[in-house]
C-alpha atoms as a PDB file:
ATOM      1  CA  UNK A   1     -22.987-171.041 119.368  1.00  0.00           C
ATOM      2  CA  UNK A   2     -19.821-172.374 117.326  1.00  0.00           C
ATOM      3  CA  UNK A   3     -16.534-170.567 118.670  1.00  0.00           C
ATOM      4  CA  UNK A   4     -15.005-168.021 115.777  1.00  0.00           C
ATOM      5  CA  UNK A   5     -12.747-169.554 113.377  1.00  0.00           C
ATOM      6  CA  UNK A   6      -8.734-168.001 112.751  1.00  0.00           C
ATOM      7  CA  UNK A   7      -6.759-168.033 109.366  1.00  0.00           C
ATOM      8  CA  UNK A   8      -3.313-166.537 109.715  1.00  0.00           C
ATOM      9  CA  UNK A   9      -1.458-165.475 106.823  1.00  0.00           C
ATOM     10  CA  UNK A  10       2.360-165.004 107.316  1.00  0.00           C
ATOM     11  CA  UNK A  11       4.181-166.065 110.398  1.00  0.00           C
ATOM     12  CA  UNK A  12       6.761-163.368 110.627  1.00  0.00           C
ATOM     13  CA  UNK A  13       6.603-161.065 113.643  1.00  0.00           C
ATOM     14  CA  UNK A  14       3.935-159.601 113.289  1.00  0.00           C
ATOM     15  CA  UNK A  15       2.016-162.835 112.493  1.00  0.00           C
ATOM     16  CA  UNK A  16       3.662-163.807 115.859  1.00  0.00           C
ATOM     17  CA  UNK A  17       1.607-160.850 117.135  1.00  0.00           C
ATOM     18  CA  UNK A  18      -1.788-161.646 115.707  1.00  0.00           C
ATOM     19  CA  UNK A  19      -0.943-165.281 116.934  1.00  0.00           C
ATOM     20  CA  UNK A  20      -0.351-164.739 120.916  1.00  0.00           C
ATOM     21  CA  UNK A  21      -3.435-161.907 120.785  1.00  0.00           C
ATOM     22  CA  UNK A  22      -5.639-164.171 119.767  1.00  0.00           C
ATOM     23  CA  UNK A  23      -4.102-166.994 122.156  1.00  0.00           C
ATOM     24  CA  UNK A  24      -5.106-164.699 124.226  1.00  0.00           C
ATOM     25  CA  UNK A  25      -9.063-163.736 124.285  1.00  0.00           C
ATOM     26  CA  UNK A  26     -10.087-165.978 126.602  1.00  0.00           C
ATOM     27  CA  UNK A  27      -7.963-164.973 129.038  1.00  0.00           C
ATOM     28  CA  UNK A  28      -8.386-160.861 128.543  1.00  0.00           C
ATOM     29  CA  UNK A  29     -12.215-161.340 127.918  1.00  0.00           C
ATOM     30  CA  UNK A  30     -13.571-164.320 130.220  1.00  0.00           C
ATOM     31  CA  UNK A  31     -17.370-162.901 128.523  1.00  0.00           C
ATOM     32  CA  UNK A  32     -16.380-164.724 124.781  1.00  0.00           C
ATOM     33  CA  UNK A  33     -15.691-168.160 124.167  1.00  0.00           C
ATOM     34  CA  UNK A  34     -11.893-168.716 123.174  1.00  0.00           C
ATOM     35  CA  UNK A  35     -11.552-168.543 119.432  1.00  0.00           C
ATOM     36  CA  UNK A  36     -10.551-171.491 117.608  1.00  0.00           C
ATOM     37  CA  UNK A  37      -6.868-171.364 115.147  1.00  0.00           C
ATOM     38  CA  UNK A  38      -7.760-172.736 112.874  1.00  0.00           C
ATOM     39  CA  UNK A  39      -5.774-172.620 108.858  1.00  0.00           C
ATOM     40  CA  UNK A  40      -1.575-170.860 108.689  1.00  0.00           C
ATOM     41  CA  UNK A  41      -1.112-169.945 105.788  1.00  0.00           C
ATOM     42  CA  UNK A  42       3.031-169.455 104.370  1.00  0.00           C
ATOM     43  CA  UNK A  43       4.816-169.213 101.492  1.00  0.00           C
ATOM     44  CA  UNK A  44       6.244-172.421 101.942  1.00  0.00           C
ATOM     45  CA  UNK A  45       4.363-175.895 103.458  1.00  0.00           C
ATOM     46  CA  UNK A  46       7.008-176.649 105.820  1.00  0.00           C
ATOM     47  CA  UNK A  47       7.543-173.407 107.627  1.00  0.00           C
ATOM     48  CA  UNK A  48       3.657-173.067 107.347  1.00  0.00           C
ATOM     49  CA  UNK A  49       3.647-176.655 109.293  1.00  0.00           C
ATOM     50  CA  UNK A  50       6.141-175.299 111.653  1.00  0.00           C
ATOM     51  CA  UNK A  51       4.650-172.193 112.462  1.00  0.00           C
ATOM     52  CA  UNK A  52       1.125-173.686 112.381  1.00  0.00           C
ATOM     53  CA  UNK A  53       2.363-176.020 115.840  1.00  0.00           C
ATOM     54  CA  UNK A  54       4.312-173.557 117.430  1.00  0.00           C
ATOM     55  CA  UNK A  55       1.458-170.805 117.441  1.00  0.00           C
ATOM     56  CA  UNK A  56      -1.557-173.659 118.258  1.00  0.00           C
ATOM     57  CA  UNK A  57      -2.868-173.573 114.875  1.00  0.00           C
ATOM     58  CA  UNK A  58      -4.751-177.149 113.848  1.00  0.00           C
ATOM     59  CA  UNK A  59      -2.934-176.802 110.358  1.00  0.00           C
ATOM     60  CA  UNK A  60      -0.465-174.960 107.949  1.00  0.00           C
ATOM     61  CA  UNK A  61      -0.564-174.386 104.133  1.00  0.00           C
ATOM     62  CA  UNK A  62       1.748-173.213 101.711  1.00  0.00           C
ATOM     63  CA  UNK A  63      -0.397-171.646  99.568  1.00  0.00           C
ATOM     64  CA  UNK A  64      -2.532-167.928 101.418  1.00  0.00           C
ATOM     65  CA  UNK A  65      -5.531-169.104  99.220  1.00  0.00           C
ATOM     66  CA  UNK A  66      -6.449-171.972 100.781  1.00  0.00           C
ATOM     67  CA  UNK A  67      -7.049-170.211 104.314  1.00  0.00           C
ATOM     68  CA  UNK A  68      -9.261-168.075 102.558  1.00  0.00           C
ATOM     69  CA  UNK A  69     -10.951-171.148 101.140  1.00  0.00           C
ATOM     70  CA  UNK A  70     -11.171-173.544 104.270  1.00  0.00           C
ATOM     71  CA  UNK A  71     -14.850-173.606 105.324  1.00  0.00           C
ATOM     72  CA  UNK A  72     -13.809-173.526 109.152  1.00  0.00           C
ATOM     73  CA  UNK A  73     -12.268-170.068 108.616  1.00  0.00           C
ATOM     74  CA  UNK A  74     -14.431-166.713 109.837  1.00  0.00           C
ATOM     75  CA  UNK A  75     -11.547-164.203 110.136  1.00  0.00           C
ATOM     76  CA  UNK A  76      -8.022-163.970 108.377  1.00  0.00           C
ATOM     77  CA  UNK A  77      -5.344-161.908 109.820  1.00  0.00           C
ATOM     78  CA  UNK A  78      -3.690-160.493 107.139  1.00  0.00           C
ATOM     79  CA  UNK A  79       0.245-159.903 108.463  1.00  0.00           C
ATOM     80  CA  UNK A  80       2.445-160.770 104.883  1.00  0.00           C
ATOM     81  CA  UNK A  81       4.595-158.631 103.565  1.00  0.00           C
ATOM     82  CA  UNK A  82       2.981-155.072 102.257  1.00  0.00           C
ATOM     83  CA  UNK A  83       2.395-156.013  99.226  1.00  0.00           C
ATOM     84  CA  UNK A  84       0.399-158.492  99.567  1.00  0.00           C
ATOM     85  CA  UNK A  85      -2.095-156.759 101.890  1.00  0.00           C
ATOM     86  CA  UNK A  86      -4.541-155.826  99.574  1.00  0.00           C
ATOM     87  CA  UNK A  87      -4.722-158.775  97.177  1.00  0.00           C
ATOM     88  CA  UNK A  88      -4.929-160.657 100.257  1.00  0.00           C
ATOM     89  CA  UNK A  89      -7.884-159.166 102.491  1.00  0.00           C
ATOM     90  CA  UNK A  90      -9.186-158.033  99.032  1.00  0.00           C
ATOM     91  CA  UNK A  91      -9.747-161.763  98.493  1.00  0.00           C
ATOM     92  CA  UNK A  92     -10.538-162.701 101.847  1.00  0.00           C
ATOM     93  CA  UNK A  93     -13.808-159.796 101.997  1.00  0.00           C
ATOM     94  CA  UNK A  94     -14.912-161.556  98.444  1.00  0.00           C
ATOM     95  CA  UNK A  95     -14.807-164.841  99.909  1.00  0.00           C
ATOM     96  CA  UNK A  96     -17.462-163.617 103.283  1.00  0.00           C
ATOM     97  CA  UNK A  97     -14.313-163.624 105.671  1.00  0.00           C
ATOM     98  CA  UNK A  98     -13.903-160.447 108.549  1.00  0.00           C
ATOM     99  CA  UNK A  99     -10.488-159.833 108.277  1.00  0.00           C
ATOM    100  CA  UNK A 100      -7.887-157.928 110.490  1.00  0.00           C
ATOM    101  CA  UNK A 101      -5.191-156.632 108.338  1.00  0.00           C
ATOM    102  CA  UNK A 102      -1.601-155.289 109.464  1.00  0.00           C
ATOM    103  CA  UNK A 103      -1.342-151.679 108.140  1.00  0.00           C
ATOM    104  CA  UNK A 104      -0.484-150.891 105.505  1.00  0.00           C
ATOM    105  CA  UNK A 105      -3.745-151.405 103.654  1.00  0.00           C
ATOM    106  CA  UNK A 106      -2.041-150.836 100.172  1.00  0.00           C
ATOM    107  CA  UNK A 107       1.636-149.511  98.732  1.00  0.00           C
ATOM    108  CA  UNK A 108       0.008-147.682  96.704  1.00  0.00           C
ATOM    109  CA  UNK A 109      -3.268-145.941  94.733  1.00  0.00           C
END
């Protein structure tokens, strides 16, 4: 069975927290395969590449849509600023991805 492929959108404080959590899965849960940190998305390509390296992701992109479109990504952690959560989460769900979205899901009705 292929291990879970993880995509992360946003690399600020909560993005770092999610990366730490994904990295700890193998330590905390010895009965599951450690997830693969596949793709990190940021607003800037240079920042994405830097954070991908720091957090242990295989690659980084300056476009969050590339994370969702990546066929190796099974689950997307959405940790971008709050006003983007709904759009990013709905796009990931529409693409058939599982989603871990930081609260709030949306800033209005």
